[in-house]
Amino acid sequence: MNAINFKVFPEDKAQIKAIKSVFKAFKIKFEVEEEKVYDPQFVERVLLAKEEIKGGKGVEVATKDLWK
């Protein structure tokens, strides 16, 4: 059996239920996977770090010195 991935954008729970019903009616096995969202605090820290690097606050390390 081959797996095929679909990315679906339902507008409400009724549409999700309808999609599941169609798969069940055709006896198609499926898995529902919720989209994972990054923690907003983590995103904020990454964006802040990018701005700091643009402002010259970063530290440059040579590749040969990474494991010292």
N, C-alpha and C. Protein backbone atom coordinates (compact mmCIF):
# COMPACT_ATOMS: atom_id res chain seq x y z
N MET A 1 0.85 -1.18 0.00
CA MET A 1 0.00 0.00 0.00
C MET A 1 0.89 1.24 0.00
N ASN A 2 0.59 2.18 -0.87
CA ASN A 2 1.35 3.43 -0.95
C ASN A 2 0.62 4.51 -0.16
N ALA A 3 1.40 5.36 0.49
CA ALA A 3 0.82 6.48 1.23
C ALA A 3 0.88 7.73 0.35
N ILE A 4 -0.18 8.50 0.37
CA ILE A 4 -0.25 9.76 -0.36
C ILE A 4 -0.58 10.84 0.67
N ASN A 5 0.13 11.95 0.63
CA ASN A 5 -0.11 13.04 1.58
C ASN A 5 -0.99 14.10 0.93
N PHE A 6 -2.00 14.53 1.66
CA PHE A 6 -2.87 15.62 1.24
C PHE A 6 -2.74 16.73 2.27
N LYS A 7 -2.68 17.96 1.81
CA LYS A 7 -2.73 19.09 2.73
C LYS A 7 -4.09 19.74 2.52
N VAL A 8 -4.93 19.69 3.54
CA VAL A 8 -6.32 20.14 3.44
C VAL A 8 -6.52 21.33 4.38
N PHE A 9 -7.30 22.30 3.94
CA PHE A 9 -7.54 23.50 4.73
C PHE A 9 -9.04 23.68 5.00
N PRO A 10 -9.60 22.86 5.88
CA PRO A 10 -11.03 23.00 6.19
C PRO A 10 -11.29 24.30 6.96
N GLU A 11 -12.48 24.82 6.75
CA GLU A 11 -12.84 26.08 7.41
C GLU A 11 -13.51 25.87 8.77
N ASP A 12 -14.02 24.67 9.00
CA ASP A 12 -14.66 24.42 10.29
C ASP A 12 -14.69 22.92 10.57
N LYS A 13 -15.20 22.56 11.74
CA LYS A 13 -15.22 21.16 12.17
C LYS A 13 -16.15 20.31 11.31
N ALA A 14 -17.19 20.92 10.76
CA ALA A 14 -18.12 20.18 9.90
C ALA A 14 -17.40 19.67 8.65
N GLN A 15 -16.52 20.49 8.09
CA GLN A 15 -15.77 20.07 6.91
C GLN A 15 -14.80 18.95 7.25
N ILE A 16 -14.19 19.02 8.41
CA ILE A 16 -13.28 17.95 8.84
C ILE A 16 -14.07 16.65 8.97
N LYS A 17 -15.24 16.72 9.57
CA LYS A 17 -16.08 15.54 9.75
C LYS A 17 -16.49 14.96 8.39
N ALA A 18 -16.81 15.83 7.44
CA ALA A 18 -17.22 15.38 6.10
C ALA A 18 -16.07 14.67 5.39
N ILE A 19 -14.88 15.21 5.49
CA ILE A 19 -13.71 14.60 4.85
C ILE A 19 -13.46 13.22 5.45
N LYS A 20 -13.52 13.13 6.76
CA LYS A 20 -13.34 11.84 7.43
C LYS A 20 -14.41 10.84 6.98
N SER A 21 -15.63 11.31 6.82
CA SER A 21 -16.73 10.44 6.41
C SER A 21 -16.50 9.87 5.01
N VAL A 22 -15.97 10.70 4.11
CA VAL A 22 -15.69 10.24 2.75
C VAL A 22 -14.65 9.13 2.78
N PHE A 23 -13.59 9.34 3.51
CA PHE A 23 -12.54 8.31 3.61
C PHE A 23 -13.10 7.02 4.20
N LYS A 24 -13.89 7.16 5.25
CA LYS A 24 -14.48 5.97 5.89
C LYS A 24 -15.43 5.25 4.94
N ALA A 25 -16.22 6.01 4.16
CA ALA A 25 -17.17 5.41 3.22
C ALA A 25 -16.45 4.57 2.16
N PHE A 26 -15.28 5.03 1.74
CA PHE A 26 -14.50 4.30 0.75
C PHE A 26 -13.53 3.30 1.39
N LYS A 27 -13.63 3.17 2.71
CA LYS A 27 -12.77 2.25 3.47
C LYS A 27 -11.29 2.53 3.23
N ILE A 28 -10.96 3.82 3.26
CA ILE A 28 -9.58 4.26 3.09
C ILE A 28 -9.01 4.56 4.47
N LYS A 29 -7.90 3.92 4.80
CA LYS A 29 -7.25 4.19 6.08
C LYS A 29 -6.62 5.58 6.00
N PHE A 30 -6.70 6.32 7.10
CA PHE A 30 -6.12 7.67 7.11
C PHE A 30 -5.68 8.04 8.51
N GLU A 31 -4.82 9.01 8.56
CA GLU A 31 -4.35 9.58 9.83
C GLU A 31 -4.54 11.08 9.78
N VAL A 32 -4.94 11.66 10.88
CA VAL A 32 -5.09 13.11 10.97
C VAL A 32 -3.92 13.64 11.79
N GLU A 33 -3.22 14.60 11.21
CA GLU A 33 -2.06 15.18 11.89
C GLU A 33 -2.25 16.69 11.95
N GLU A 34 -2.33 17.20 13.15
CA GLU A 34 -2.49 18.64 13.34
C GLU A 34 -1.19 19.35 12.98
N GLU A 35 -1.30 20.55 12.42
CA GLU A 35 -0.12 21.33 12.11
C GLU A 35 0.50 21.84 13.41
N LYS A 36 1.79 21.70 13.51
CA LYS A 36 2.48 22.13 14.72
C LYS A 36 2.92 23.58 14.56
N VAL A 37 2.70 24.35 15.62
CA VAL A 37 3.04 25.77 15.60
C VAL A 37 4.17 26.00 16.59
N TYR A 38 5.14 26.82 16.19
CA TYR A 38 6.23 27.14 17.09
C TYR A 38 5.74 27.99 18.26
N ASP A 39 6.38 27.82 19.40
CA ASP A 39 6.09 28.61 20.58
C ASP A 39 6.40 30.08 20.25
N PRO A 40 5.45 30.99 20.47
CA PRO A 40 5.66 32.41 20.13
C PRO A 40 6.88 33.01 20.81
N GLN A 41 7.19 32.59 22.03
CA GLN A 41 8.37 33.12 22.72
C GLN A 41 9.64 32.68 22.00
N PHE A 42 9.66 31.45 21.50
CA PHE A 42 10.81 30.95 20.76
C PHE A 42 11.00 31.77 19.47
N VAL A 43 9.92 32.00 18.76
CA VAL A 43 9.99 32.78 17.51
C VAL A 43 10.51 34.18 17.80
N GLU A 44 10.03 34.78 18.87
CA GLU A 44 10.46 36.13 19.24
C GLU A 44 11.97 36.16 19.52
N ARG A 45 12.47 35.14 20.22
CA ARG A 45 13.90 35.07 20.54
C ARG A 45 14.75 34.91 19.28
N VAL A 46 14.26 34.08 18.34
CA VAL A 46 15.01 33.88 17.10
C VAL A 46 15.05 35.17 16.30
N LEU A 47 13.93 35.86 16.18
CA LEU A 47 13.89 37.11 15.44
C LEU A 47 14.76 38.18 16.09
N LEU A 48 14.76 38.21 17.41
CA LEU A 48 15.61 39.16 18.13
C LEU A 48 17.08 38.86 17.88
N ALA A 49 17.43 37.58 17.90
CA ALA A 49 18.82 37.19 17.65
C ALA A 49 19.25 37.58 16.24
N LYS A 50 18.37 37.43 15.27
CA LYS A 50 18.69 37.84 13.89
C LYS A 50 18.98 39.33 13.83
N GLU A 51 18.16 40.11 14.51
CA GLU A 51 18.37 41.56 14.53
C GLU A 51 19.68 41.92 15.21
N GLU A 52 20.02 41.21 16.29
CA GLU A 52 21.27 41.48 16.99
C GLU A 52 22.47 41.17 16.08
N ILE A 53 22.37 40.09 15.31
CA ILE A 53 23.46 39.74 14.40
C ILE A 53 23.60 40.82 13.33
N LYS A 54 22.48 41.31 12.81
CA LYS A 54 22.54 42.39 11.82
C LYS A 54 23.18 43.63 12.40
N GLY A 55 22.97 43.85 13.70
CA GLY A 55 23.52 45.01 14.38
C GLY A 55 24.96 44.83 14.83
N GLY A 56 25.57 43.70 14.49
CA GLY A 56 26.97 43.48 14.82
C GLY A 56 27.22 42.90 16.19
N LYS A 57 26.20 42.39 16.86
CA LYS A 57 26.38 41.85 18.20
C LYS A 57 26.73 40.36 18.21
N GLY A 58 26.82 39.73 17.03
CA GLY A 58 27.13 38.31 16.97
C GLY A 58 28.62 38.04 17.12
N VAL A 59 28.96 36.79 17.34
CA VAL A 59 30.36 36.36 17.45
C VAL A 59 30.64 35.42 16.29
N GLU A 60 31.70 35.69 15.56
CA GLU A 60 32.07 34.84 14.42
C GLU A 60 33.08 33.81 14.88
N VAL A 61 32.81 32.56 14.51
CA VAL A 61 33.70 31.46 14.87
C VAL A 61 34.12 30.76 13.58
N ALA A 62 35.43 30.55 13.40
CA ALA A 62 35.93 29.88 12.23
C ALA A 62 35.53 28.40 12.29
N THR A 63 35.25 27.81 11.14
CA THR A 63 34.81 26.41 11.07
C THR A 63 35.82 25.49 11.73
N LYS A 64 37.10 25.75 11.52
CA LYS A 64 38.14 24.87 12.10
C LYS A 64 38.15 24.94 13.62
N ASP A 65 37.59 25.98 14.21
CA ASP A 65 37.59 26.15 15.66
C ASP A 65 36.30 25.68 16.34
N LEU A 66 35.38 25.13 15.59
CA LEU A 66 34.09 24.74 16.17
C LEU A 66 34.23 23.68 17.27
N TRP A 67 35.13 22.75 17.13
CA TRP A 67 35.22 21.63 18.07
C TRP A 67 36.36 21.79 19.08
N LYS A 68 36.84 22.99 19.24
CA LYS A 68 37.92 23.22 20.22
C LYS A 68 37.35 23.51 21.58
